[in-house]
Amino acid sequence: MVHATDITALEPPRRKLDPERTRLNILAAAYDEFAENGLNGARVDAIAARTNTVKRMIYYYFGSKEGLYLAVLEQAYSAIRKAEDALELERLPPEDAIRCMVEHTFDYHDAHPGFSRLVTIENIQQGRFIAQSLTIRAINITVVESLRAILQRGQDEGVFRQDIDPIDVHMMISALAFFRVANRHTFGLLFNRDMSEPALRAHHRSLVVETVLRSLRQAGD
């Protein structure tokens, strides 16, 4: 005679619900879907299929497609800022700190082309979703404050010019790293350059670093 307890013991263990893991899986799939197809072209059905879940679950966590898109943006900006925080730039001399930040920014954009696409998509939206997010604006203060501290140390040591705005420096670093990734297809085709070629990538990386450093140094240095 088989008892109910014996049948239960033979059943495969039920998968425990992990809300945070489910949420992160949805965000990862949505990141790819939005980066590939934009806000308007992305489909919640496709995101559900990527995560082997249902639309109802996505709406449960994020409320709407737009809510999910905003959550993806927040996570994307948070990821790049967290990666910068891990550099511990305060331990480096000013020029080395700037060099490390520029190299990191260049490498991050190169390794995460989806981030550049998401930024482009949000600019097409005229920044209306970022405008709704206090989170994104708050976390992006960290990179400016980090730059401010590095530049101040460089100015105190007589290495950097006095007339430097950290937001301008951040814009320059971001622009040089961003352009190469966001425009790699059109630029490569127009000028017959393989932007993925390792030697060219290394050349561009060095060029960006030296461009930024030269713009910060005292005249004559």
N, C-alpha and C. Protein backbone atom coordinates (compact mmCIF):
# COMPACT_ATOMS: atom_id res chain seq x y z
N MET A 1 0.85 -1.20 0.00
CA MET A 1 0.00 0.00 0.00
C MET A 1 0.88 1.24 0.00
N VAL A 2 0.55 2.17 -0.89
CA VAL A 2 1.34 3.40 -1.01
C VAL A 2 0.64 4.51 -0.25
N HIS A 3 1.33 5.10 0.67
CA HIS A 3 0.76 6.19 1.45
C HIS A 3 0.97 7.53 0.75
N ALA A 4 0.14 8.52 1.09
CA ALA A 4 0.23 9.84 0.50
C ALA A 4 1.61 10.45 0.73
N THR A 5 2.17 10.19 1.90
CA THR A 5 3.49 10.74 2.19
C THR A 5 4.54 10.17 1.27
N ASP A 6 4.35 8.90 0.85
CA ASP A 6 5.30 8.29 -0.07
C ASP A 6 5.20 8.93 -1.45
N ILE A 7 3.99 9.23 -1.89
CA ILE A 7 3.78 9.88 -3.20
C ILE A 7 4.41 11.26 -3.19
N THR A 8 4.20 11.99 -2.10
CA THR A 8 4.78 13.33 -1.99
C THR A 8 6.30 13.28 -2.08
N ALA A 9 6.87 12.26 -1.46
CA ALA A 9 8.33 12.14 -1.46
C ALA A 9 8.85 11.86 -2.86
N LEU A 10 8.02 11.20 -3.71
CA LEU A 10 8.45 10.88 -5.06
C LEU A 10 8.29 12.05 -6.03
N GLU A 11 7.51 13.06 -5.67
CA GLU A 11 7.30 14.21 -6.55
C GLU A 11 8.57 15.04 -6.64
N PRO A 12 8.85 15.61 -7.83
CA PRO A 12 10.02 16.49 -7.95
C PRO A 12 9.80 17.72 -7.08
N PRO A 13 10.87 18.23 -6.49
CA PRO A 13 10.71 19.42 -5.64
C PRO A 13 10.19 20.61 -6.43
N ARG A 14 9.26 21.32 -5.87
CA ARG A 14 8.72 22.50 -6.53
C ARG A 14 9.75 23.62 -6.51
N ARG A 15 9.81 24.35 -7.61
CA ARG A 15 10.75 25.47 -7.69
C ARG A 15 10.29 26.59 -6.76
N LYS A 16 11.19 26.98 -5.90
CA LYS A 16 10.84 28.06 -4.98
C LYS A 16 10.77 29.39 -5.73
N LEU A 17 9.78 30.17 -5.38
CA LEU A 17 9.66 31.49 -5.99
C LEU A 17 10.76 32.41 -5.46
N ASP A 18 11.42 33.08 -6.34
CA ASP A 18 12.47 34.03 -5.98
C ASP A 18 12.14 35.35 -6.66
N PRO A 19 11.35 36.21 -6.01
CA PRO A 19 10.89 37.45 -6.66
C PRO A 19 12.01 38.32 -7.18
N GLU A 20 13.11 38.44 -6.42
CA GLU A 20 14.19 39.31 -6.86
C GLU A 20 14.88 38.75 -8.09
N ARG A 21 15.09 37.43 -8.11
CA ARG A 21 15.71 36.82 -9.29
C ARG A 21 14.79 36.97 -10.51
N THR A 22 13.50 36.77 -10.30
CA THR A 22 12.54 36.95 -11.40
C THR A 22 12.59 38.36 -11.94
N ARG A 23 12.61 39.31 -11.03
CA ARG A 23 12.66 40.72 -11.42
C ARG A 23 13.93 41.03 -12.22
N LEU A 24 15.07 40.51 -11.76
CA LEU A 24 16.34 40.76 -12.44
C LEU A 24 16.38 40.09 -13.81
N ASN A 25 15.79 38.90 -13.91
CA ASN A 25 15.74 38.22 -15.20
C ASN A 25 14.89 39.01 -16.20
N ILE A 26 13.78 39.55 -15.71
CA ILE A 26 12.93 40.36 -16.59
C ILE A 26 13.68 41.60 -17.04
N LEU A 27 14.39 42.24 -16.12
CA LEU A 27 15.16 43.45 -16.47
C LEU A 27 16.23 43.13 -17.51
N ALA A 28 16.91 42.00 -17.35
CA ALA A 28 17.96 41.63 -18.30
C ALA A 28 17.38 41.39 -19.70
N ALA A 29 16.26 40.70 -19.76
CA ALA A 29 15.62 40.46 -21.05
C ALA A 29 15.09 41.75 -21.66
N ALA A 30 14.53 42.60 -20.82
CA ALA A 30 13.99 43.87 -21.29
C ALA A 30 15.09 44.79 -21.80
N TYR A 31 16.25 44.75 -21.14
CA TYR A 31 17.41 45.54 -21.58
C TYR A 31 17.72 45.20 -23.04
N ASP A 32 17.82 43.91 -23.34
CA ASP A 32 18.13 43.49 -24.71
C ASP A 32 17.01 43.87 -25.68
N GLU A 33 15.78 43.67 -25.26
CA GLU A 33 14.64 43.94 -26.15
C GLU A 33 14.55 45.44 -26.47
N PHE A 34 14.67 46.28 -25.46
CA PHE A 34 14.61 47.73 -25.71
C PHE A 34 15.81 48.22 -26.51
N ALA A 35 17.00 47.69 -26.20
CA ALA A 35 18.20 48.10 -26.93
C ALA A 35 18.12 47.71 -28.40
N GLU A 36 17.52 46.57 -28.68
CA GLU A 36 17.43 46.08 -30.05
C GLU A 36 16.31 46.76 -30.84
N ASN A 37 15.19 47.05 -30.18
CA ASN A 37 13.99 47.47 -30.91
C ASN A 37 13.44 48.84 -30.52
N GLY A 38 14.07 49.48 -29.52
CA GLY A 38 13.56 50.77 -29.09
C GLY A 38 12.34 50.63 -28.21
N LEU A 39 11.90 51.75 -27.65
CA LEU A 39 10.73 51.72 -26.77
C LEU A 39 9.48 51.32 -27.54
N ASN A 40 9.27 51.93 -28.68
CA ASN A 40 8.03 51.67 -29.43
C ASN A 40 8.03 50.29 -30.08
N GLY A 41 9.20 49.81 -30.50
CA GLY A 41 9.26 48.53 -31.18
C GLY A 41 9.34 47.33 -30.25
N ALA A 42 9.73 47.56 -29.01
CA ALA A 42 9.86 46.45 -28.06
C ALA A 42 8.48 45.87 -27.73
N ARG A 43 8.43 44.56 -27.53
CA ARG A 43 7.17 43.89 -27.23
C ARG A 43 7.26 43.18 -25.89
N VAL A 44 6.27 43.39 -25.06
CA VAL A 44 6.24 42.73 -23.76
C VAL A 44 6.13 41.22 -23.94
N ASP A 45 5.42 40.77 -24.99
CA ASP A 45 5.34 39.33 -25.27
C ASP A 45 6.73 38.74 -25.49
N ALA A 46 7.57 39.48 -26.21
CA ALA A 46 8.92 38.99 -26.49
C ALA A 46 9.75 38.93 -25.22
N ILE A 47 9.57 39.91 -24.35
CA ILE A 47 10.30 39.91 -23.07
C ILE A 47 9.85 38.74 -22.22
N ALA A 48 8.55 38.47 -22.19
CA ALA A 48 8.03 37.33 -21.44
C ALA A 48 8.60 36.02 -21.97
N ALA A 49 8.68 35.92 -23.30
CA ALA A 49 9.22 34.70 -23.91
C ALA A 49 10.69 34.50 -23.57
N ARG A 50 11.45 35.60 -23.53
CA ARG A 50 12.88 35.52 -23.20
C ARG A 50 13.09 35.01 -21.78
N THR A 51 12.15 35.29 -20.90
CA THR A 51 12.30 34.93 -19.49
C THR A 51 11.45 33.74 -19.08
N ASN A 52 10.76 33.15 -20.06
CA ASN A 52 9.90 31.99 -19.77
C ASN A 52 8.89 32.33 -18.67
N THR A 53 8.31 33.53 -18.79
CA THR A 53 7.29 33.95 -17.83
C THR A 53 6.08 34.44 -18.61
N VAL A 54 5.19 35.15 -17.96
CA VAL A 54 3.98 35.64 -18.61
C VAL A 54 3.90 37.15 -18.47
N LYS A 55 3.15 37.77 -19.38
CA LYS A 55 3.02 39.22 -19.35
C LYS A 55 2.48 39.71 -18.01
N ARG A 56 1.55 38.95 -17.46
CA ARG A 56 0.94 39.35 -16.19
C ARG A 56 2.00 39.56 -15.11
N MET A 57 3.01 38.70 -15.10
CA MET A 57 4.08 38.81 -14.11
C MET A 57 4.90 40.09 -14.33
N ILE A 58 5.13 40.42 -15.59
CA ILE A 58 5.89 41.64 -15.90
C ILE A 58 5.12 42.86 -15.43
N TYR A 59 3.82 42.88 -15.70
CA TYR A 59 3.01 44.02 -15.26
C TYR A 59 2.91 44.07 -13.74
N TYR A 60 2.95 42.90 -13.11
CA TYR A 60 2.90 42.86 -11.65
C TYR A 60 4.12 43.57 -11.06
N TYR A 61 5.29 43.33 -11.64
CA TYR A 61 6.51 43.91 -11.11
C TYR A 61 6.71 45.37 -11.53
N PHE A 62 6.31 45.71 -12.75
CA PHE A 62 6.70 47.02 -13.30
C PHE A 62 5.52 47.91 -13.70
N GLY A 63 4.33 47.39 -13.65
CA GLY A 63 3.15 48.21 -13.88
C GLY A 63 2.76 48.37 -15.33
N SER A 64 3.73 48.61 -16.20
CA SER A 64 3.45 48.86 -17.61
C SER A 64 4.74 48.69 -18.41
N LYS A 65 4.62 48.71 -19.71
CA LYS A 65 5.80 48.66 -20.58
C LYS A 65 6.70 49.85 -20.33
N GLU A 66 6.08 51.03 -20.15
CA GLU A 66 6.86 52.24 -19.90
C GLU A 66 7.56 52.17 -18.54
N GLY A 67 6.86 51.58 -17.55
CA GLY A 67 7.48 51.41 -16.24
C GLY A 67 8.67 50.48 -16.30
N LEU A 68 8.58 49.45 -17.11
CA LEU A 68 9.69 48.51 -17.29
C LEU A 68 10.85 49.21 -18.00
N TYR A 69 10.55 49.99 -19.01
CA TYR A 69 11.59 50.74 -19.73
C TYR A 69 12.34 51.67 -18.79
N LEU A 70 11.62 52.39 -17.94
CA LEU A 70 12.26 53.29 -16.98
C LEU A 70 13.13 52.50 -16.00
N ALA A 71 12.65 51.34 -15.56
CA ALA A 71 13.44 50.51 -14.65
C ALA A 71 14.72 50.04 -15.32
N VAL A 72 14.65 49.73 -16.62
CA VAL A 72 15.83 49.33 -17.37
C VAL A 72 16.83 50.47 -17.44
N LEU A 73 16.35 51.67 -17.71
CA LEU A 73 17.23 52.84 -17.74
C LEU A 73 17.92 53.05 -16.39
N GLU A 74 17.15 52.93 -15.32
CA GLU A 74 17.71 53.12 -13.98
C GLU A 74 18.78 52.08 -13.69
N GLN A 75 18.52 50.86 -14.07
CA GLN A 75 19.51 49.81 -13.83
C GLN A 75 20.75 50.03 -14.69
N ALA A 76 20.57 50.47 -15.94
CA ALA A 76 21.70 50.66 -16.84
C ALA A 76 22.63 51.76 -16.34
N TYR A 77 22.05 52.87 -15.89
CA TYR A 77 22.87 53.96 -15.36
C TYR A 77 23.50 53.57 -14.03
N SER A 78 22.77 52.83 -13.24
CA SER A 78 23.31 52.38 -11.96
C SER A 78 24.51 51.47 -12.17
N ALA A 79 24.45 50.62 -13.19
CA ALA A 79 25.53 49.67 -13.46
C ALA A 79 26.82 50.38 -13.84
N ILE A 80 26.74 51.38 -14.70
CA ILE A 80 27.97 52.06 -15.12
C ILE A 80 28.55 52.88 -13.98
N ARG A 81 27.68 53.46 -13.15
CA ARG A 81 28.19 54.24 -12.01
C ARG A 81 28.82 53.33 -10.96
N LYS A 82 28.22 52.15 -10.72
CA LYS A 82 28.79 51.20 -9.75
C LYS A 82 30.16 50.72 -10.23
N ALA A 83 30.28 50.49 -11.53
CA ALA A 83 31.57 50.05 -12.08
C ALA A 83 32.63 51.13 -11.88
N GLU A 84 32.24 52.39 -12.00
CA GLU A 84 33.19 53.49 -11.77
C GLU A 84 33.59 53.57 -10.30
N ASP A 85 32.63 53.38 -9.42
CA ASP A 85 32.93 53.45 -7.98
C ASP A 85 33.96 52.40 -7.59
N ALA A 86 33.95 51.26 -8.26
CA ALA A 86 34.87 50.17 -7.92
C ALA A 86 36.31 50.48 -8.29
N LEU A 87 36.56 51.54 -9.06
CA LEU A 87 37.91 51.86 -9.51
C LEU A 87 38.78 52.41 -8.39
N GLU A 88 38.16 52.96 -7.34
CA GLU A 88 38.89 53.55 -6.20
C GLU A 88 39.92 54.57 -6.70
N LEU A 89 39.45 55.53 -7.47
CA LEU A 89 40.33 56.50 -8.10
C LEU A 89 41.02 57.44 -7.11
N GLU A 90 40.45 57.56 -5.91
CA GLU A 90 41.04 58.45 -4.92
C GLU A 90 42.42 57.97 -4.48
N ARG A 91 42.75 56.73 -4.77
CA ARG A 91 44.05 56.18 -4.38
C ARG A 91 45.14 56.52 -5.38
N LEU A 92 44.76 57.01 -6.56
CA LEU A 92 45.72 57.25 -7.63
C LEU A 92 46.09 58.72 -7.73
N PRO A 93 47.31 59.03 -8.20
CA PRO A 93 47.66 60.42 -8.51
C PRO A 93 46.69 60.98 -9.54
N PRO A 94 46.49 62.29 -9.59
CA PRO A 94 45.44 62.88 -10.45
C PRO A 94 45.49 62.44 -11.91
N GLU A 95 46.65 62.51 -12.54
CA GLU A 95 46.72 62.13 -13.96
C GLU A 95 46.42 60.65 -14.15
N ASP A 96 46.93 59.81 -13.26
CA ASP A 96 46.65 58.38 -13.36
C ASP A 96 45.17 58.09 -13.13
N ALA A 97 44.55 58.86 -12.24
CA ALA A 97 43.12 58.68 -11.97
C ALA A 97 42.29 59.02 -13.20
N ILE A 98 42.63 60.13 -13.87
CA ILE A 98 41.91 60.51 -15.09
C ILE A 98 42.14 59.47 -16.17
N ARG A 99 43.37 59.01 -16.32
CA ARG A 99 43.68 57.99 -17.32
C ARG A 99 42.85 56.73 -17.07
N CYS A 100 42.79 56.32 -15.81
CA CYS A 100 42.03 55.12 -15.45
C CYS A 100 40.54 55.31 -15.74
N MET A 101 40.00 56.49 -15.41
CA MET A 101 38.58 56.73 -15.66
C MET A 101 38.28 56.73 -17.15
N VAL A 102 39.13 57.37 -17.94
CA VAL A 102 38.89 57.43 -19.39
C VAL A 102 38.98 56.03 -19.99
N GLU A 103 40.01 55.28 -19.62
CA GLU A 103 40.15 53.92 -20.14
C GLU A 103 38.94 53.06 -19.75
N HIS A 104 38.51 53.22 -18.51
CA HIS A 104 37.35 52.45 -18.05
C HIS A 104 36.10 52.82 -18.84
N THR A 105 35.87 54.11 -19.03
CA THR A 105 34.69 54.57 -19.76
C THR A 105 34.72 54.05 -21.19
N PHE A 106 35.88 54.15 -21.82
CA PHE A 106 36.04 53.63 -23.19
C PHE A 106 35.73 52.14 -23.23
N ASP A 107 36.30 51.39 -22.31
CA ASP A 107 36.11 49.93 -22.29
C ASP A 107 34.67 49.56 -21.98
N TYR A 108 34.05 50.31 -21.07
CA TYR A 108 32.68 49.99 -20.67
C TYR A 108 31.73 50.17 -21.86
N HIS A 109 31.85 51.29 -22.55
CA HIS A 109 30.99 51.52 -23.71
C HIS A 109 31.25 50.48 -24.79
N ASP A 110 32.51 50.14 -24.99
CA ASP A 110 32.85 49.17 -26.01
C ASP A 110 32.27 47.79 -25.69
N ALA A 111 32.27 47.43 -24.40
CA ALA A 111 31.78 46.12 -23.97
C ALA A 111 30.27 46.07 -23.80
N HIS A 112 29.63 47.25 -23.71
CA HIS A 112 28.18 47.30 -23.49
C HIS A 112 27.52 48.19 -24.55
N PRO A 113 27.53 47.77 -25.80
CA PRO A 113 26.92 48.60 -26.85
C PRO A 113 25.43 48.84 -26.62
N GLY A 114 24.78 47.93 -25.90
CA GLY A 114 23.36 48.14 -25.58
C GLY A 114 23.14 49.40 -24.77
N PHE A 115 24.10 49.76 -23.92
CA PHE A 115 23.96 50.99 -23.13
C PHE A 115 23.91 52.20 -24.04
N SER A 116 24.80 52.25 -25.03
CA SER A 116 24.80 53.37 -25.97
C SER A 116 23.48 53.44 -26.74
N ARG A 117 22.96 52.27 -27.11
CA ARG A 117 21.68 52.27 -27.83
C ARG A 117 20.55 52.77 -26.94
N LEU A 118 20.55 52.36 -25.67
CA LEU A 118 19.51 52.83 -24.75
C LEU A 118 19.59 54.35 -24.57
N VAL A 119 20.79 54.88 -24.46
CA VAL A 119 20.94 56.33 -24.32
C VAL A 119 20.43 57.04 -25.57
N THR A 120 20.74 56.48 -26.73
CA THR A 120 20.26 57.05 -27.99
C THR A 120 18.74 57.02 -28.05
N ILE A 121 18.16 55.89 -27.64
CA ILE A 121 16.70 55.76 -27.65
C ILE A 121 16.06 56.78 -26.72
N GLU A 122 16.65 56.98 -25.55
CA GLU A 122 16.08 57.95 -24.61
C GLU A 122 16.22 59.37 -25.14
N ASN A 123 17.26 59.65 -25.90
CA ASN A 123 17.38 60.96 -26.53
C ASN A 123 16.33 61.15 -27.61
N ILE A 124 16.00 60.07 -28.32
CA ILE A 124 14.90 60.15 -29.29
C ILE A 124 13.60 60.49 -28.57
N GLN A 125 13.47 59.99 -27.32
CA GLN A 125 12.30 60.31 -26.50
C GLN A 125 12.43 61.69 -25.83
N GLN A 126 13.50 62.42 -26.18
CA GLN A 126 13.78 63.75 -25.62
C GLN A 126 13.95 63.71 -24.10
N GLY A 127 14.42 62.57 -23.61
CA GLY A 127 14.73 62.44 -22.19
C GLY A 127 13.53 62.43 -21.27
N ARG A 128 12.36 62.15 -21.80
CA ARG A 128 11.15 62.30 -20.97
C ARG A 128 11.04 61.26 -19.87
N PHE A 129 11.69 60.10 -20.04
CA PHE A 129 11.63 59.10 -18.97
C PHE A 129 12.69 59.38 -17.91
N ILE A 130 13.87 59.78 -18.33
CA ILE A 130 14.89 60.17 -17.35
C ILE A 130 14.40 61.34 -16.52
N ALA A 131 13.64 62.22 -17.14
CA ALA A 131 13.10 63.38 -16.41
C ALA A 131 12.19 62.95 -15.26
N GLN A 132 11.63 61.75 -15.36
CA GLN A 132 10.73 61.25 -14.31
C GLN A 132 11.48 60.55 -13.18
N SER A 133 12.79 60.34 -13.36
CA SER A 133 13.53 59.49 -12.43
C SER A 133 14.49 60.30 -11.55
N LEU A 134 14.14 60.43 -10.30
CA LEU A 134 15.06 61.04 -9.35
C LEU A 134 16.25 60.11 -9.10
N THR A 135 16.03 58.81 -9.27
CA THR A 135 17.10 57.83 -9.06
C THR A 135 18.25 58.06 -10.02
N ILE A 136 17.96 58.21 -11.30
CA ILE A 136 19.01 58.37 -12.30
C ILE A 136 19.79 59.66 -12.05
N ARG A 137 19.08 60.73 -11.76
CA ARG A 137 19.78 61.99 -11.52
C ARG A 137 20.64 61.91 -10.26
N ALA A 138 20.17 61.18 -9.26
CA ALA A 138 20.94 61.07 -8.02
C ALA A 138 22.20 60.24 -8.21
N ILE A 139 22.09 59.10 -8.90
CA ILE A 139 23.26 58.24 -9.04
C ILE A 139 24.29 58.85 -9.98
N ASN A 140 23.89 59.73 -10.88
CA ASN A 140 24.86 60.33 -11.79
C ASN A 140 25.64 61.46 -11.16
N ILE A 141 25.24 61.87 -9.97
CA ILE A 141 26.03 62.86 -9.25
C ILE A 141 27.39 62.28 -8.86
N THR A 142 27.44 60.97 -8.65
CA THR A 142 28.67 60.36 -8.15
C THR A 142 29.84 60.54 -9.10
N VAL A 143 29.61 60.41 -10.40
CA VAL A 143 30.72 60.53 -11.34
C VAL A 143 31.24 61.97 -11.38
N VAL A 144 30.34 62.94 -11.24
CA VAL A 144 30.76 64.34 -11.24
C VAL A 144 31.55 64.66 -9.97
N GLU A 145 31.09 64.16 -8.85
CA GLU A 145 31.80 64.41 -7.59
C GLU A 145 33.16 63.73 -7.59
N SER A 146 33.25 62.55 -8.17
CA SER A 146 34.54 61.87 -8.28
C SER A 146 35.50 62.68 -9.13
N LEU A 147 35.03 63.16 -10.27
CA LEU A 147 35.85 63.99 -11.13
C LEU A 147 36.25 65.29 -10.45
N ARG A 148 35.32 65.88 -9.73
CA ARG A 148 35.60 67.13 -9.04
C ARG A 148 36.77 66.96 -8.06
N ALA A 149 36.74 65.85 -7.33
CA ALA A 149 37.80 65.59 -6.35
C ALA A 149 39.15 65.36 -7.04
N ILE A 150 39.14 64.62 -8.13
CA ILE A 150 40.38 64.36 -8.86
C ILE A 150 40.95 65.65 -9.43
N LEU A 151 40.09 66.45 -10.04
CA LEU A 151 40.54 67.70 -10.64
C LEU A 151 41.07 68.66 -9.59
N GLN A 152 40.41 68.70 -8.44
CA GLN A 152 40.87 69.58 -7.36
C GLN A 152 42.26 69.17 -6.89
N ARG A 153 42.49 67.87 -6.76
CA ARG A 153 43.82 67.40 -6.37
C ARG A 153 44.86 67.79 -7.41
N GLY A 154 44.48 67.64 -8.68
CA GLY A 154 45.40 68.01 -9.75
C GLY A 154 45.69 69.50 -9.78
N GLN A 155 44.68 70.30 -9.50
CA GLN A 155 44.88 71.75 -9.44
C GLN A 155 45.76 72.14 -8.26
N ASP A 156 45.53 71.51 -7.13
CA ASP A 156 46.33 71.80 -5.94
C ASP A 156 47.80 71.45 -6.17
N GLU A 157 48.04 70.42 -6.97
CA GLU A 157 49.41 69.99 -7.25
C GLU A 157 50.01 70.72 -8.44
N GLY A 158 49.24 71.60 -9.07
CA GLY A 158 49.74 72.34 -10.22
C GLY A 158 49.79 71.55 -11.51
N VAL A 159 49.09 70.42 -11.54
CA VAL A 159 49.09 69.55 -12.73
C VAL A 159 48.01 69.96 -13.72
N PHE A 160 46.83 70.31 -13.23
CA PHE A 160 45.70 70.65 -14.08
C PHE A 160 45.42 72.15 -14.05
N ARG A 161 44.83 72.63 -15.13
CA ARG A 161 44.39 74.02 -15.22
C ARG A 161 43.35 74.32 -14.16
N GLN A 162 43.21 75.59 -13.85
CA GLN A 162 42.25 76.01 -12.83
C GLN A 162 40.83 76.17 -13.39
N ASP A 163 40.72 76.43 -14.68
CA ASP A 163 39.40 76.74 -15.29
C ASP A 163 38.76 75.48 -15.87
N ILE A 164 38.53 74.51 -15.01
CA ILE A 164 37.96 73.23 -15.47
C ILE A 164 36.66 72.97 -14.74
N ASP A 165 35.63 72.62 -15.49
CA ASP A 165 34.34 72.24 -14.93
C ASP A 165 34.21 70.72 -15.00
N PRO A 166 33.99 70.04 -13.89
CA PRO A 166 33.92 68.57 -13.93
C PRO A 166 32.80 68.04 -14.82
N ILE A 167 31.72 68.78 -14.95
CA ILE A 167 30.65 68.32 -15.85
C ILE A 167 31.11 68.40 -17.30
N ASP A 168 31.87 69.43 -17.63
CA ASP A 168 32.43 69.51 -18.99
C ASP A 168 33.37 68.34 -19.27
N VAL A 169 34.17 68.00 -18.27
CA VAL A 169 35.12 66.89 -18.44
C VAL A 169 34.35 65.58 -18.61
N HIS A 170 33.32 65.39 -17.81
CA HIS A 170 32.50 64.18 -17.94
C HIS A 170 31.86 64.11 -19.31
N MET A 171 31.37 65.23 -19.81
CA MET A 171 30.76 65.26 -21.14
C MET A 171 31.78 64.88 -22.21
N MET A 172 33.00 65.41 -22.10
CA MET A 172 34.03 65.11 -23.08
C MET A 172 34.40 63.63 -23.07
N ILE A 173 34.61 63.08 -21.88
CA ILE A 173 34.96 61.67 -21.77
C ILE A 173 33.85 60.79 -22.34
N SER A 174 32.62 61.09 -21.94
CA SER A 174 31.47 60.30 -22.40
C SER A 174 31.29 60.41 -23.91
N ALA A 175 31.44 61.62 -24.43
CA ALA A 175 31.23 61.84 -25.86
C ALA A 175 32.24 61.05 -26.70
N LEU A 176 33.50 61.08 -26.29
CA LEU A 176 34.53 60.39 -27.06
C LEU A 176 34.35 58.88 -27.01
N ALA A 177 33.94 58.36 -25.85
CA ALA A 177 33.71 56.92 -25.72
C ALA A 177 32.42 56.50 -26.42
N PHE A 178 31.40 57.34 -26.30
CA PHE A 178 30.07 57.03 -26.82
C PHE A 178 30.05 57.04 -28.35
N PHE A 179 30.66 58.04 -28.95
CA PHE A 179 30.57 58.21 -30.41
C PHE A 179 31.06 56.98 -31.14
N ARG A 180 32.18 56.45 -30.68
CA ARG A 180 32.80 55.33 -31.39
C ARG A 180 31.89 54.09 -31.41
N VAL A 181 31.11 53.91 -30.34
CA VAL A 181 30.21 52.77 -30.26
C VAL A 181 28.88 53.07 -30.96
N ALA A 182 28.31 54.21 -30.66
CA ALA A 182 26.98 54.54 -31.21
C ALA A 182 27.01 54.71 -32.72
N ASN A 183 28.16 55.13 -33.27
CA ASN A 183 28.25 55.42 -34.71
C ASN A 183 29.20 54.47 -35.44
N ARG A 184 29.50 53.34 -34.82
CA ARG A 184 30.52 52.48 -35.39
C ARG A 184 30.14 51.94 -36.76
N HIS A 185 28.86 51.68 -37.00
CA HIS A 185 28.46 51.11 -38.29
C HIS A 185 28.54 52.17 -39.39
N THR A 186 27.94 53.32 -39.17
CA THR A 186 27.95 54.36 -40.20
C THR A 186 29.36 54.89 -40.42
N PHE A 187 30.09 55.17 -39.34
CA PHE A 187 31.44 55.71 -39.46
C PHE A 187 32.35 54.69 -40.15
N GLY A 188 32.24 53.45 -39.75
CA GLY A 188 33.07 52.41 -40.36
C GLY A 188 32.81 52.25 -41.85
N LEU A 189 31.54 52.29 -42.25
CA LEU A 189 31.20 52.15 -43.66
C LEU A 189 31.63 53.37 -44.47
N LEU A 190 31.40 54.56 -43.92
CA LEU A 190 31.74 55.78 -44.65
C LEU A 190 33.24 55.93 -44.87
N PHE A 191 34.04 55.50 -43.90
CA PHE A 191 35.48 55.72 -43.99
C PHE A 191 36.27 54.42 -44.09
N ASN A 192 35.56 53.33 -44.38
CA ASN A 192 36.21 52.04 -44.62
C ASN A 192 37.12 51.64 -43.47
N ARG A 193 36.59 51.73 -42.25
CA ARG A 193 37.33 51.33 -41.06
C ARG A 193 36.55 50.23 -40.34
N ASP A 194 37.27 49.17 -40.00
CA ASP A 194 36.67 48.11 -39.20
C ASP A 194 36.84 48.49 -37.73
N MET A 195 35.77 49.00 -37.12
CA MET A 195 35.86 49.54 -35.76
C MET A 195 36.09 48.46 -34.72
N SER A 196 35.92 47.20 -35.11
CA SER A 196 36.15 46.10 -34.17
C SER A 196 37.58 45.57 -34.24
N GLU A 197 38.37 46.07 -35.17
CA GLU A 197 39.74 45.58 -35.35
C GLU A 197 40.58 45.95 -34.12
N PRO A 198 41.22 44.98 -33.47
CA PRO A 198 41.90 45.22 -32.18
C PRO A 198 42.93 46.35 -32.21
N ALA A 199 43.74 46.42 -33.27
CA ALA A 199 44.77 47.47 -33.32
C ALA A 199 44.13 48.85 -33.42
N LEU A 200 43.06 48.97 -34.19
CA LEU A 200 42.39 50.26 -34.32
C LEU A 200 41.72 50.65 -33.01
N ARG A 201 41.12 49.66 -32.36
CA ARG A 201 40.50 49.92 -31.05
C ARG A 201 41.55 50.43 -30.06
N ALA A 202 42.70 49.78 -30.01
CA ALA A 202 43.76 50.19 -29.09
C ALA A 202 44.24 51.60 -29.42
N HIS A 203 44.35 51.90 -30.71
CA HIS A 203 44.76 53.24 -31.13
C HIS A 203 43.75 54.29 -30.68
N HIS A 204 42.47 54.01 -30.88
CA HIS A 204 41.42 54.95 -30.47
C HIS A 204 41.41 55.14 -28.94
N ARG A 205 41.61 54.07 -28.23
CA ARG A 205 41.64 54.14 -26.76
C ARG A 205 42.75 55.07 -26.29
N SER A 206 43.93 54.89 -26.85
CA SER A 206 45.07 55.75 -26.49
C SER A 206 44.81 57.19 -26.91
N LEU A 207 44.21 57.37 -28.08
CA LEU A 207 43.91 58.71 -28.59
C LEU A 207 42.94 59.45 -27.67
N VAL A 208 41.92 58.76 -27.22
CA VAL A 208 40.93 59.38 -26.34
C VAL A 208 41.57 59.77 -25.00
N VAL A 209 42.39 58.88 -24.44
CA VAL A 209 43.04 59.18 -23.17
C VAL A 209 43.92 60.42 -23.30
N GLU A 210 44.76 60.47 -24.33
CA GLU A 210 45.67 61.59 -24.47
C GLU A 210 44.93 62.89 -24.79
N THR A 211 43.84 62.79 -25.53
CA THR A 211 43.04 63.99 -25.84
C THR A 211 42.50 64.62 -24.56
N VAL A 212 41.95 63.78 -23.69
CA VAL A 212 41.40 64.29 -22.43
C VAL A 212 42.50 64.86 -21.54
N LEU A 213 43.60 64.14 -21.39
CA LEU A 213 44.68 64.61 -20.51
C LEU A 213 45.27 65.91 -21.01
N ARG A 214 45.48 66.04 -22.30
CA ARG A 214 46.05 67.28 -22.84
C ARG A 214 45.13 68.47 -22.61
N SER A 215 43.85 68.21 -22.63
CA SER A 215 42.91 69.31 -22.42
C SER A 215 42.90 69.79 -20.96
N LEU A 216 43.40 68.95 -20.05
CA LEU A 216 43.38 69.30 -18.63
C LEU A 216 44.70 69.87 -18.12
N ARG A 217 45.78 69.56 -18.81
CA ARG A 217 47.10 69.97 -18.32
C ARG A 217 47.31 71.46 -18.41
N GLN A 218 48.18 71.94 -17.54
CA GLN A 218 48.59 73.33 -17.57
C GLN A 218 49.28 73.62 -18.92
N ALA A 219 49.12 74.84 -19.41
CA ALA A 219 49.76 75.22 -20.66
C ALA A 219 51.27 75.02 -20.55
N GLY A 220 51.87 74.41 -21.58
CA GLY A 220 53.30 74.18 -21.59
C GLY A 220 53.70 72.83 -21.05
N ASP A 221 52.75 72.13 -20.39
CA ASP A 221 53.10 70.80 -19.84
C ASP A 221 53.08 69.75 -20.95
